[in-house]
Amino acid sequence: MSLAPRLDLRQSQSLVMTPQLQQAIKLLALSNLEIEAFIAEEIEKNPLLEAPQTDEIVRPERPEAEEPAGADALVTGAAAADPLDVDYATESHQQDSVADGGGGFDGALSMNGGSGGGLGGEDAPDLDSFAAADISLADHLLAQAGAVVDAADWFIAQHLIDQLDEAGYLTVPLLDVANRLGTPRARVERVLAQIQSLDPTGVGARDLAECIALQAKEADRYDPCMARLIDNLDLLARGEIARLKRMCGVDDEDMADMIRELRSYDPKPGCRFGGEPAPAVTPDLFVQKTRNGWGIELNAATLPRVLVNRRYYHELAHGPQDKASKAWLTDALASANWLIKALDQRQRTIIKVAAEIVKQQEAFFLHGVAHLRPLTLAKVAEAIEMHESTVSRVTSNKYLSCARGVFELKYFFTSAIQAADGGDAVSAEAVKSAIRALIANEGAKILSDDTLVELLQAKGFDIARRTVAKYREAMGIGSSVQRRRAKALGG
């Protein structure tokens, strides 16, 4: 065996992720709003791309019955060659609304509905503009503090208000505040007492007991018995009513009245102010029942449009240019053409996946969550002849709006629970819905997990006790002991 260095030639195969393939995969996982931001960046980088105005759109001639190519065909380059500068938002397969579609799933599909469809558009009113801006908790307190806090203590009040959390509690020790501001602790305590006198009552408290005590004092209910009850909220949480009655020296009627008073107080007074409003979920798809099937339509209000500026390309191509400029122009045109084709294929793929989901979960759209069927990504991928990873990307960050509300596409993929009678399996969401309904209607007799298992088996759900406990905890429902204790406290 020779130890001298030498050169060897070997052949091997490897999968190469081209920039176009990476872009197509990236577009599938983006929502419509994320696509809009992505298109804006591409328009800034590529001068051949432009966002058309509504009055500039011309409807081209195009065959109506054309089988869309799959996403796998796109990334392998096998998609049919279409005019690369066509605005697919205005093609002949567009419908003004989902009700204009033909029959069944295929006939009712619309790639990009117009603004006249009643499902949204540029001329639709912006309902968010009617919402009044909520004042923050800090601003609300600072507006009141000027009337009760001296000018010399204003900086302390500002600092304390800045340290309050969303619920209105002061989570920083007063000694740390005093050391940080270089002032005596007694002075900080005096300013805190002034802040605690502001609206809402209970703000500035350092724990739950102090928050409740402040509200009891405001209501003139802070007598010695109430003070002992507030100091022993842990016993109340554990349901040790008999021990609390002995400690407070009251009878059953007085204890029930005190507990009723406590329940009327707000444990998080700051939550009624200040926080940023939760962003509304913008659906990417609309699903509607029609006379001929189901109408599935992309949300035109959030779906960006982009075209290749052919006129500008010809001006640059026939003008004076060197070899580097010519190569740049060719790359820019190829990139623009590919982006338009990838966007069109993304829309087709989303519609195709959504149509199969609606087909598989039709009972849910007709009758509710109790009829949700078990469904996997692999089953949808097999039905539409695409790869499972493609379906996973399509259903990520996408929301569907229907008559029953707005749901993430991932919501329709649930695990299976075997039926007790050996029939068809049911989804985990259907079991959760059944558990929620049983507990909501349990009445005076609190149902244990073992009892829930028996009732579920009577309904045809073959489920273990630990699974019931897991689902119950996932829905934020307490155990039978906790629910019995809460019912006793509620009187």
Protein backbone atom coordinates (compact mmCIF):
# COMPACT_ATOMS: atom_id res chain seq x y z
CA MET A 1 0.00 0.00 0.00
CA SER A 2 1.51 3.29 -1.10
CA LEU A 3 1.83 6.10 1.46
CA ALA A 4 2.50 8.79 -1.12
CA PRO A 5 -0.17 11.50 -1.77
CA ARG A 6 -2.29 11.11 -4.90
CA LEU A 7 -5.43 12.48 -6.62
CA ASP A 8 -8.57 10.34 -6.96
CA LEU A 9 -11.75 11.02 -8.99
CA ARG A 10 -15.05 9.83 -7.51
CA GLN A 11 -18.68 10.15 -8.60
CA SER A 12 -21.46 10.79 -6.06
CA GLN A 13 -25.03 12.04 -5.96
CA SER A 14 -26.32 14.70 -3.57
CA LEU A 15 -29.44 16.83 -3.19
CA VAL A 16 -28.68 20.50 -3.84
CA MET A 17 -31.05 23.17 -2.55
CA THR A 18 -31.07 25.80 -5.27
CA PRO A 19 -32.03 29.39 -4.36
CA GLN A 20 -35.27 28.98 -6.33
CA LEU A 21 -36.16 25.81 -4.42
CA GLN A 22 -35.38 27.48 -1.10
CA GLN A 23 -37.59 30.42 -2.06
CA ALA A 24 -40.51 28.19 -3.06
CA ILE A 25 -40.28 26.27 0.21
CA LYS A 26 -40.08 29.50 2.19
CA LEU A 27 -43.17 30.98 0.50
CA LEU A 28 -45.28 27.94 1.37
CA ALA A 29 -44.74 28.43 5.10
CA LEU A 30 -45.57 32.17 5.11
CA SER A 31 -48.99 33.62 5.85
CA ASN A 32 -50.61 36.17 3.55
CA LEU A 33 -49.48 39.08 5.73
CA GLU A 34 -45.91 37.75 5.78
CA ILE A 35 -46.07 37.30 2.01
CA GLU A 36 -47.04 40.97 1.68
CA ALA A 37 -43.91 42.05 3.58
CA PHE A 38 -41.79 39.64 1.54
CA ILE A 39 -43.16 41.01 -1.75
CA ALA A 40 -42.44 44.58 -0.63
CA GLU A 41 -38.79 43.65 -0.03
CA GLU A 42 -38.53 41.92 -3.41
CA ILE A 43 -40.00 44.96 -5.20
CA GLU A 44 -37.36 47.17 -3.58
CA LYS A 45 -34.56 44.82 -4.68
CA ASN A 46 -35.80 44.06 -8.20
CA PRO A 47 -36.76 47.05 -10.42
CA LEU A 48 -38.59 44.76 -12.85
CA LEU A 49 -41.22 43.93 -10.24
CA GLU A 50 -44.11 46.24 -9.50
CA ALA A 51 -47.37 46.19 -7.59
CA PRO A 52 -50.17 46.93 -10.11
CA GLN A 53 -52.94 49.41 -9.41
CA THR A 54 -56.51 48.15 -9.56
CA ASP A 55 -57.38 50.18 -12.66
CA GLU A 56 -54.30 48.90 -14.49
CA ILE A 57 -55.28 45.24 -14.33
CA VAL A 58 -56.34 43.70 -17.63
CA ARG A 59 -58.07 40.32 -17.66
CA PRO A 60 -56.15 37.98 -20.02
CA GLU A 61 -57.54 35.13 -22.05
CA ARG A 62 -56.96 31.81 -20.31
CA PRO A 63 -58.56 28.37 -20.48
CA GLU A 64 -60.88 27.84 -17.55
CA ALA A 65 -60.47 24.11 -17.02
CA GLU A 66 -56.79 23.64 -16.37
CA GLU A 67 -55.41 21.16 -13.89
CA PRO A 68 -53.05 22.99 -11.52
CA ALA A 69 -49.59 21.61 -11.19
CA GLY A 70 -48.52 20.31 -7.78
CA ALA A 71 -46.03 21.98 -5.50
CA ASP A 72 -43.66 19.08 -5.97
CA ALA A 73 -43.79 19.66 -9.72
CA LEU A 74 -42.89 23.30 -9.15
CA VAL A 75 -39.77 22.64 -7.12
CA THR A 76 -38.62 20.00 -9.60
CA GLY A 77 -39.16 22.33 -12.55
CA ALA A 78 -41.88 20.16 -14.09
CA ALA A 79 -44.71 22.70 -13.86
CA ALA A 80 -46.44 23.69 -17.05
CA ALA A 81 -45.06 26.78 -18.76
CA ASP A 82 -47.45 29.69 -18.26
CA PRO A 83 -47.07 33.34 -19.20
CA LEU A 84 -44.74 34.53 -16.47
CA ASP A 85 -46.02 38.08 -16.27
CA VAL A 86 -49.71 37.24 -15.85
CA ASP A 87 -51.55 38.70 -12.89
CA TYR A 88 -53.29 35.61 -11.58
CA ALA A 89 -55.44 37.72 -9.30
CA THR A 90 -57.54 38.66 -12.33
CA GLU A 91 -57.59 35.45 -14.32
CA SER A 92 -60.81 33.97 -15.63
CA HIS A 93 -60.97 31.49 -12.77
CA GLN A 94 -61.53 34.37 -10.37
CA GLN A 95 -64.99 34.55 -8.80
CA ASP A 96 -66.58 37.58 -7.24
CA SER A 97 -67.56 35.43 -4.29
CA VAL A 98 -67.49 31.81 -3.25
CA ALA A 99 -71.15 31.51 -4.14
CA ASP A 100 -70.30 32.03 -7.82
CA GLY A 101 -68.40 28.77 -8.02
CA GLY A 102 -69.52 25.67 -9.84
CA GLY A 103 -70.22 22.32 -8.27
CA GLY A 104 -68.49 20.49 -5.45
CA PHE A 105 -65.02 21.20 -4.20
CA ASP A 106 -63.39 21.91 -7.54
CA GLY A 107 -66.08 24.15 -8.97
CA ALA A 108 -66.26 26.41 -5.93
CA LEU A 109 -62.53 27.07 -5.65
CA SER A 110 -61.43 30.65 -6.23
CA MET A 111 -57.79 31.59 -6.28
CA ASN A 112 -58.22 35.24 -5.42
CA GLY A 113 -61.63 36.83 -4.99
CA GLY A 114 -62.36 40.40 -5.94
CA SER A 115 -63.23 43.11 -3.49
CA GLY A 116 -66.86 42.95 -4.57
CA GLY A 117 -67.36 39.50 -3.06
CA GLY A 118 -68.35 40.79 0.33
CA LEU A 119 -65.50 38.94 2.04
CA GLY A 120 -63.18 41.90 2.31
CA GLY A 121 -61.37 44.29 0.04
CA GLU A 122 -59.74 47.67 -0.22
CA ASP A 123 -63.10 49.48 -0.09
CA ALA A 124 -64.36 47.55 2.93
CA PRO A 125 -64.61 49.56 6.17
CA ASP A 126 -61.73 49.19 8.60
CA LEU A 127 -63.49 48.10 11.76
CA ASP A 128 -60.30 48.48 13.80
CA SER A 129 -60.38 52.23 13.17
CA PHE A 130 -63.53 52.49 15.30
CA ALA A 131 -61.85 51.00 18.37
CA ALA A 132 -60.87 53.61 20.95
CA ALA A 133 -57.29 53.54 22.15
CA ASP A 134 -57.10 52.21 25.73
CA ILE A 135 -55.14 54.31 28.21
CA SER A 136 -52.30 52.49 29.89
CA LEU A 137 -52.23 51.81 33.62
CA ALA A 138 -49.14 53.99 34.07
CA ASP A 139 -50.73 56.96 32.28
CA HIS A 140 -53.94 56.53 34.27
CA LEU A 141 -52.04 56.60 37.57
CA LEU A 142 -49.73 59.45 36.61
CA ALA A 143 -52.73 61.58 35.68
CA GLN A 144 -54.05 61.15 39.25
CA ALA A 145 -50.75 61.23 41.11
CA GLY A 146 -50.19 64.91 40.45
CA ALA A 147 -53.05 65.77 42.79
CA VAL A 148 -51.83 63.71 45.77
CA VAL A 149 -48.03 63.49 45.46
CA ASP A 150 -45.78 66.43 46.37
CA ALA A 151 -43.44 67.81 43.74
CA ALA A 152 -40.43 66.68 45.81
CA ASP A 153 -41.69 63.08 45.75
CA TRP A 154 -42.76 63.05 42.12
CA PHE A 155 -39.68 61.18 40.89
CA ILE A 156 -40.33 58.44 43.49
CA ALA A 157 -43.95 58.11 42.39
CA GLN A 158 -42.92 57.87 38.75
CA HIS A 159 -40.39 55.15 39.56
CA LEU A 160 -42.88 53.13 41.63
CA ILE A 161 -45.54 53.36 38.93
CA ASP A 162 -43.01 52.17 36.33
CA GLN A 163 -42.31 49.11 38.50
CA LEU A 164 -45.94 47.93 38.54
CA ASP A 165 -46.74 44.83 36.53
CA GLU A 166 -49.76 44.38 34.26
CA ALA A 167 -51.96 43.32 37.20
CA GLY A 168 -51.04 46.45 39.16
CA TYR A 169 -48.74 44.77 41.70
CA LEU A 170 -45.41 46.15 42.91
CA THR A 171 -42.98 43.27 42.54
CA VAL A 172 -39.80 45.12 43.55
CA PRO A 173 -38.90 45.28 47.29
CA LEU A 174 -39.15 48.78 48.74
CA LEU A 175 -35.64 48.53 50.16
CA ASP A 176 -34.25 48.01 46.66
CA VAL A 177 -36.21 51.03 45.43
CA ALA A 178 -34.91 53.14 48.29
CA ASN A 179 -31.31 52.10 47.68
CA ARG A 180 -31.63 52.70 43.95
CA LEU A 181 -33.06 56.21 44.43
CA GLY A 182 -30.83 57.06 47.40
CA THR A 183 -33.75 57.97 49.66
CA PRO A 184 -35.00 56.66 53.03
CA ARG A 185 -37.32 53.66 52.90
CA ALA A 186 -39.92 55.47 55.02
CA ARG A 187 -40.23 58.10 52.32
CA VAL A 188 -40.76 55.44 49.65
CA GLU A 189 -43.43 53.77 51.81
CA ARG A 190 -45.24 57.09 52.23
CA VAL A 191 -45.30 57.65 48.45
CA LEU A 192 -46.47 54.07 47.89
CA ALA A 193 -49.38 54.63 50.30
CA GLN A 194 -50.36 57.66 48.21
CA ILE A 195 -50.26 55.57 45.02
CA GLN A 196 -52.40 52.91 46.70
CA SER A 197 -55.08 55.53 47.28
CA LEU A 198 -55.49 56.03 43.52
CA ASP A 199 -57.97 54.41 41.19
CA PRO A 200 -58.30 51.47 40.65
CA THR A 201 -58.43 50.43 44.27
CA GLY A 202 -55.86 47.74 45.06
CA VAL A 203 -53.20 48.97 42.67
CA GLY A 204 -49.70 49.19 44.13
CA ALA A 205 -50.21 46.19 46.40
CA ARG A 206 -47.26 43.88 47.00
CA ASP A 207 -49.29 40.67 47.25
CA LEU A 208 -52.85 39.39 46.91
CA ALA A 209 -53.70 39.84 50.60
CA GLU A 210 -52.72 43.52 50.53
CA CYS A 211 -54.65 44.05 47.28
CA ILE A 212 -57.82 42.54 48.79
CA ALA A 213 -57.30 44.45 52.05
CA LEU A 214 -57.09 47.78 50.20
CA GLN A 215 -60.38 47.07 48.46
CA ALA A 216 -62.02 45.96 51.73
CA LYS A 217 -60.93 49.20 53.38
CA GLU A 218 -62.32 51.19 50.47
CA ALA A 219 -65.66 49.37 50.90
CA ASP A 220 -65.54 49.93 54.70
CA ARG A 221 -65.60 46.16 55.31
CA TYR A 222 -62.14 45.79 56.84
CA ASP A 223 -63.15 44.74 60.36
CA PRO A 224 -61.09 42.36 62.56
CA CYS A 225 -62.95 39.29 61.25
CA MET A 226 -62.37 40.26 57.63
CA ALA A 227 -58.72 41.04 58.43
CA ARG A 228 -58.16 37.53 59.79
CA LEU A 229 -59.87 36.02 56.76
CA ILE A 230 -57.69 38.03 54.37
CA ASP A 231 -54.55 37.08 56.31
CA ASN A 232 -55.43 33.40 55.83
CA LEU A 233 -56.35 33.25 52.17
CA ASP A 234 -54.33 30.04 51.87
CA LEU A 235 -56.77 28.28 54.21
CA LEU A 236 -59.67 29.62 52.15
CA ALA A 237 -58.06 28.24 48.99
CA ARG A 238 -57.80 24.82 50.62
CA GLY A 239 -61.45 24.96 51.67
CA GLU A 240 -60.83 24.81 55.43
CA ILE A 241 -64.00 26.73 56.22
CA ALA A 242 -64.51 25.26 59.69
CA ARG A 243 -61.04 26.34 60.79
CA LEU A 244 -61.58 29.83 59.39
CA LYS A 245 -64.89 30.19 61.26
CA ARG A 246 -63.11 29.39 64.53
CA MET A 247 -60.29 31.83 63.79
CA CYS A 248 -62.65 34.64 62.80
CA GLY A 249 -65.26 33.89 65.46
CA VAL A 250 -68.22 33.92 63.08
CA ASP A 251 -71.08 31.58 62.21
CA ASP A 252 -71.95 29.98 58.89
CA GLU A 253 -74.05 32.91 57.69
CA ASP A 254 -71.40 35.52 58.46
CA MET A 255 -68.65 33.42 56.88
CA ALA A 256 -70.70 32.96 53.71
CA ASP A 257 -71.30 36.72 53.60
CA MET A 258 -67.57 37.45 54.02
CA ILE A 259 -66.61 35.00 51.30
CA ARG A 260 -69.23 36.52 49.02
CA GLU A 261 -67.69 39.93 49.69
CA LEU A 262 -64.20 38.67 48.87
CA ARG A 263 -65.39 37.22 45.59
CA SER A 264 -66.64 40.66 44.53
CA TYR A 265 -63.13 42.16 44.74
CA ASP A 266 -60.76 42.32 41.79
CA PRO A 267 -57.53 40.35 42.39
CA LYS A 268 -55.88 42.01 39.37
CA PRO A 269 -57.05 45.62 39.30
CA GLY A 270 -54.44 46.72 36.76
CA CYS A 271 -55.65 44.34 34.06
CA ARG A 272 -58.56 46.60 33.17
CA PHE A 273 -56.02 49.12 31.87
CA GLY A 274 -52.94 49.16 29.94
CA GLY A 275 -52.17 46.36 27.93
CA GLU A 276 -51.84 46.33 24.20
CA PRO A 277 -54.98 44.98 22.52
CA ALA A 278 -54.59 41.44 21.33
CA PRO A 279 -53.99 41.46 17.59
CA ALA A 280 -56.91 40.13 15.63
CA VAL A 281 -56.22 36.97 13.65
CA THR A 282 -56.49 37.64 9.92
CA PRO A 283 -57.76 34.56 8.08
CA ASP A 284 -55.90 33.43 4.98
CA LEU A 285 -58.86 31.41 3.68
CA PHE A 286 -62.64 31.67 3.65
CA VAL A 287 -64.85 28.57 3.64
CA GLN A 288 -68.57 28.87 2.95
CA LYS A 289 -71.35 26.37 2.27
CA THR A 290 -72.88 26.83 -1.16
CA ARG A 291 -75.73 25.14 -2.98
CA ASN A 292 -73.26 23.04 -4.97
CA GLY A 293 -70.68 22.20 -2.32
CA TRP A 294 -68.11 24.15 -0.39
CA GLY A 295 -66.64 27.47 -1.53
CA ILE A 296 -62.97 27.94 -0.63
CA GLU A 297 -61.40 31.30 -1.34
CA LEU A 298 -58.13 33.01 -0.50
CA ASN A 299 -58.41 36.27 1.41
CA ALA A 300 -58.04 38.90 -1.31
CA ALA A 301 -57.64 41.71 1.22
CA THR A 302 -54.26 40.36 2.38
CA LEU A 303 -53.10 38.71 -0.84
CA PRO A 304 -50.48 40.85 -2.59
CA ARG A 305 -50.34 41.28 -6.37
CA VAL A 306 -47.13 41.62 -8.33
CA LEU A 307 -46.28 41.90 -12.05
CA VAL A 308 -43.19 41.97 -14.24
CA ASN A 309 -42.75 45.38 -15.85
CA ARG A 310 -42.09 44.16 -19.41
CA ARG A 311 -42.00 47.65 -20.84
CA TYR A 312 -39.23 48.71 -18.48
CA TYR A 313 -37.35 45.49 -19.27
CA HIS A 314 -37.44 46.18 -23.01
CA GLU A 315 -36.24 49.74 -22.45
CA LEU A 316 -33.24 48.48 -20.49
CA ALA A 317 -32.57 45.57 -22.86
CA HIS A 318 -32.45 47.78 -25.98
CA GLY A 319 -30.42 50.51 -24.32
CA PRO A 320 -26.64 50.76 -24.09
CA GLN A 321 -25.25 48.21 -21.63
CA ASP A 322 -22.07 46.30 -20.99
CA LYS A 323 -21.65 42.59 -20.33
CA ALA A 324 -22.14 42.90 -16.56
CA SER A 325 -25.32 44.98 -16.98
CA LYS A 326 -26.74 42.48 -19.46
CA ALA A 327 -26.08 39.60 -17.05
CA TRP A 328 -27.69 41.54 -14.20
CA LEU A 329 -30.79 42.27 -16.28
CA THR A 330 -31.12 38.62 -17.26
CA ASP A 331 -30.86 37.52 -13.64
CA ALA A 332 -33.40 40.15 -12.56
CA LEU A 333 -35.91 38.94 -15.17
CA ALA A 334 -35.41 35.30 -14.26
CA SER A 335 -35.84 36.10 -10.55
CA ALA A 336 -39.01 38.10 -11.21
CA ASN A 337 -40.51 35.38 -13.40
CA TRP A 338 -39.74 32.70 -10.85
CA LEU A 339 -41.24 34.71 -8.01
CA ILE A 340 -44.53 35.18 -9.87
CA LYS A 341 -44.69 31.49 -10.74
CA ALA A 342 -43.88 30.53 -7.14
CA LEU A 343 -46.59 32.84 -5.78
CA ASP A 344 -49.14 31.43 -8.18
CA GLN A 345 -48.19 27.88 -7.27
CA ARG A 346 -48.36 28.75 -3.57
CA GLN A 347 -51.97 29.88 -3.99
CA ARG A 348 -52.89 26.74 -5.90
CA THR A 349 -51.25 24.51 -3.31
CA ILE A 350 -52.98 26.23 -0.38
CA ILE A 351 -56.36 25.88 -2.08
CA LYS A 352 -55.68 22.23 -2.87
CA VAL A 353 -54.69 21.40 0.72
CA ALA A 354 -57.58 23.38 2.20
CA ALA A 355 -60.07 21.66 -0.12
CA GLU A 356 -58.89 18.25 1.05
CA ILE A 357 -59.10 19.33 4.71
CA VAL A 358 -62.67 20.54 4.20
CA LYS A 359 -63.50 17.30 2.42
CA GLN A 360 -62.07 15.18 5.23
CA GLN A 361 -63.62 17.30 8.00
CA GLU A 362 -66.96 18.10 6.35
CA ALA A 363 -68.84 16.77 9.38
CA PHE A 364 -67.12 19.38 11.56
CA PHE A 365 -68.19 22.25 9.30
CA LEU A 366 -71.75 20.92 9.27
CA HIS A 367 -72.27 19.75 12.85
CA GLY A 368 -69.45 21.07 15.09
CA VAL A 369 -66.38 19.92 16.99
CA ALA A 370 -68.00 16.74 18.30
CA HIS A 371 -67.82 15.40 14.74
CA LEU A 372 -64.17 16.26 14.14
CA ARG A 373 -62.42 13.23 12.65
CA PRO A 374 -58.85 12.07 13.27
CA LEU A 375 -56.60 13.41 10.53
CA THR A 376 -52.88 13.32 9.82
CA LEU A 377 -50.61 15.22 7.48
CA ALA A 378 -49.71 11.97 5.76
CA LYS A 379 -53.36 11.23 4.93
CA VAL A 380 -53.87 14.64 3.30
CA ALA A 381 -50.54 14.38 1.48
CA GLU A 382 -51.47 10.99 0.08
CA ALA A 383 -54.89 12.21 -1.06
CA ILE A 384 -53.52 15.21 -2.99
CA GLU A 385 -50.33 13.40 -4.11
CA MET A 386 -47.89 15.74 -2.44
CA HIS A 387 -45.12 15.25 0.08
CA GLU A 388 -46.02 15.37 3.76
CA SER A 389 -43.51 18.18 4.38
CA THR A 390 -45.29 20.29 1.75
CA VAL A 391 -48.62 19.89 3.55
CA SER A 392 -46.93 20.73 6.85
CA ARG A 393 -45.54 23.99 5.44
CA VAL A 394 -48.85 24.93 3.83
CA THR A 395 -50.77 24.49 7.09
CA SER A 396 -48.26 26.48 9.19
CA ASN A 397 -49.32 30.01 10.20
CA LYS A 398 -52.50 29.80 8.11
CA TYR A 399 -55.99 30.48 9.43
CA LEU A 400 -59.34 29.46 8.01
CA SER A 401 -62.56 31.41 8.55
CA CYS A 402 -65.90 29.62 8.39
CA ALA A 403 -69.35 29.90 9.91
CA ARG A 404 -68.08 28.32 13.13
CA GLY A 405 -65.24 30.79 13.63
CA VAL A 406 -61.57 31.21 12.75
CA PHE A 407 -59.35 28.15 13.09
CA GLU A 408 -55.71 27.45 12.41
CA LEU A 409 -55.28 24.82 9.71
CA LYS A 410 -53.25 22.74 12.17
CA TYR A 411 -56.38 22.54 14.35
CA PHE A 412 -57.94 20.02 11.96
CA PHE A 413 -55.10 17.53 12.44
CA THR A 414 -55.83 15.61 15.63
CA SER A 415 -54.86 12.28 17.09
CA ALA A 416 -57.24 9.33 17.10
CA ILE A 417 -59.09 7.83 20.07
CA GLN A 418 -60.32 4.31 19.48
CA ALA A 419 -64.07 3.78 19.74
CA ALA A 420 -65.24 1.50 22.54
CA ASP A 421 -67.51 -0.51 20.25
CA GLY A 422 -64.77 -1.12 17.69
CA GLY A 423 -66.18 1.43 15.26
CA ASP A 424 -64.43 4.36 13.63
CA ALA A 425 -61.93 6.23 15.77
CA VAL A 426 -62.74 9.74 16.98
CA SER A 427 -60.50 12.79 17.30
CA ALA A 428 -58.98 14.03 20.53
CA GLU A 429 -60.78 17.36 20.10
CA ALA A 430 -64.13 15.58 20.02
CA VAL A 431 -63.25 13.82 23.29
CA LYS A 432 -62.24 17.14 24.87
CA SER A 433 -65.54 18.63 23.78
CA ALA A 434 -67.41 15.73 25.39
CA ILE A 435 -65.44 16.11 28.65
CA ARG A 436 -66.14 19.84 28.72
CA ALA A 437 -69.86 19.26 28.18
CA LEU A 438 -70.09 16.61 30.93
CA ILE A 439 -68.34 18.83 33.48
CA ALA A 440 -70.42 21.86 32.51
CA ASN A 441 -73.61 19.91 33.20
CA GLU A 442 -72.46 17.97 36.29
CA GLY A 443 -74.70 19.99 38.63
CA ALA A 444 -74.49 19.36 42.37
CA LYS A 445 -72.83 15.96 41.94
CA ILE A 446 -69.20 16.57 41.00
CA LEU A 447 -67.90 14.00 38.52
CA SER A 448 -64.59 12.31 39.30
CA ASP A 449 -62.20 11.27 36.54
CA ASP A 450 -63.26 7.64 37.00
CA THR A 451 -66.90 8.64 36.54
CA LEU A 452 -65.98 10.66 33.46
CA VAL A 453 -64.29 7.57 32.01
CA GLU A 454 -67.47 5.53 32.51
CA LEU A 455 -69.67 8.22 30.94
CA LEU A 456 -67.30 8.59 27.99
CA GLN A 457 -67.24 4.84 27.44
CA ALA A 458 -71.03 4.92 27.40
CA LYS A 459 -70.76 7.48 24.61
CA GLY A 460 -68.44 5.16 22.70
CA PHE A 461 -65.04 6.63 23.67
CA ASP A 462 -62.46 4.04 24.76
CA ILE A 463 -60.26 6.25 26.90
CA ALA A 464 -58.08 5.75 29.99
CA ARG A 465 -58.37 7.72 33.22
CA ARG A 466 -54.93 9.31 32.84
CA THR A 467 -55.94 10.51 29.38
CA VAL A 468 -59.07 12.12 30.80
CA ALA A 469 -56.95 13.87 33.44
CA LYS A 470 -54.50 15.06 30.77
CA TYR A 471 -57.25 16.48 28.56
CA ARG A 472 -59.01 18.07 31.53
CA GLU A 473 -55.83 19.82 32.68
CA ALA A 474 -55.06 20.94 29.12
CA MET A 475 -58.46 22.69 29.03
CA GLY A 476 -57.76 24.42 32.36
CA ILE A 477 -60.44 22.47 34.27
CA GLY A 478 -59.64 21.57 37.87
CA SER A 479 -59.92 18.17 39.47
CA SER A 480 -63.11 16.97 41.14
CA VAL A 481 -61.70 18.04 44.53
CA GLN A 482 -60.94 21.55 43.26
CA ARG A 483 -64.34 21.88 41.58
CA ARG A 484 -66.15 20.66 44.72
CA ARG A 485 -64.22 23.17 46.83
CA ALA A 486 -64.96 26.00 44.41
CA LYS A 487 -68.66 25.10 44.42
CA ALA A 488 -68.71 25.12 48.22
CA LEU A 489 -67.09 28.56 48.31
CA GLY A 490 -69.52 29.84 45.73
CA GLY A 491 -72.39 29.00 48.04
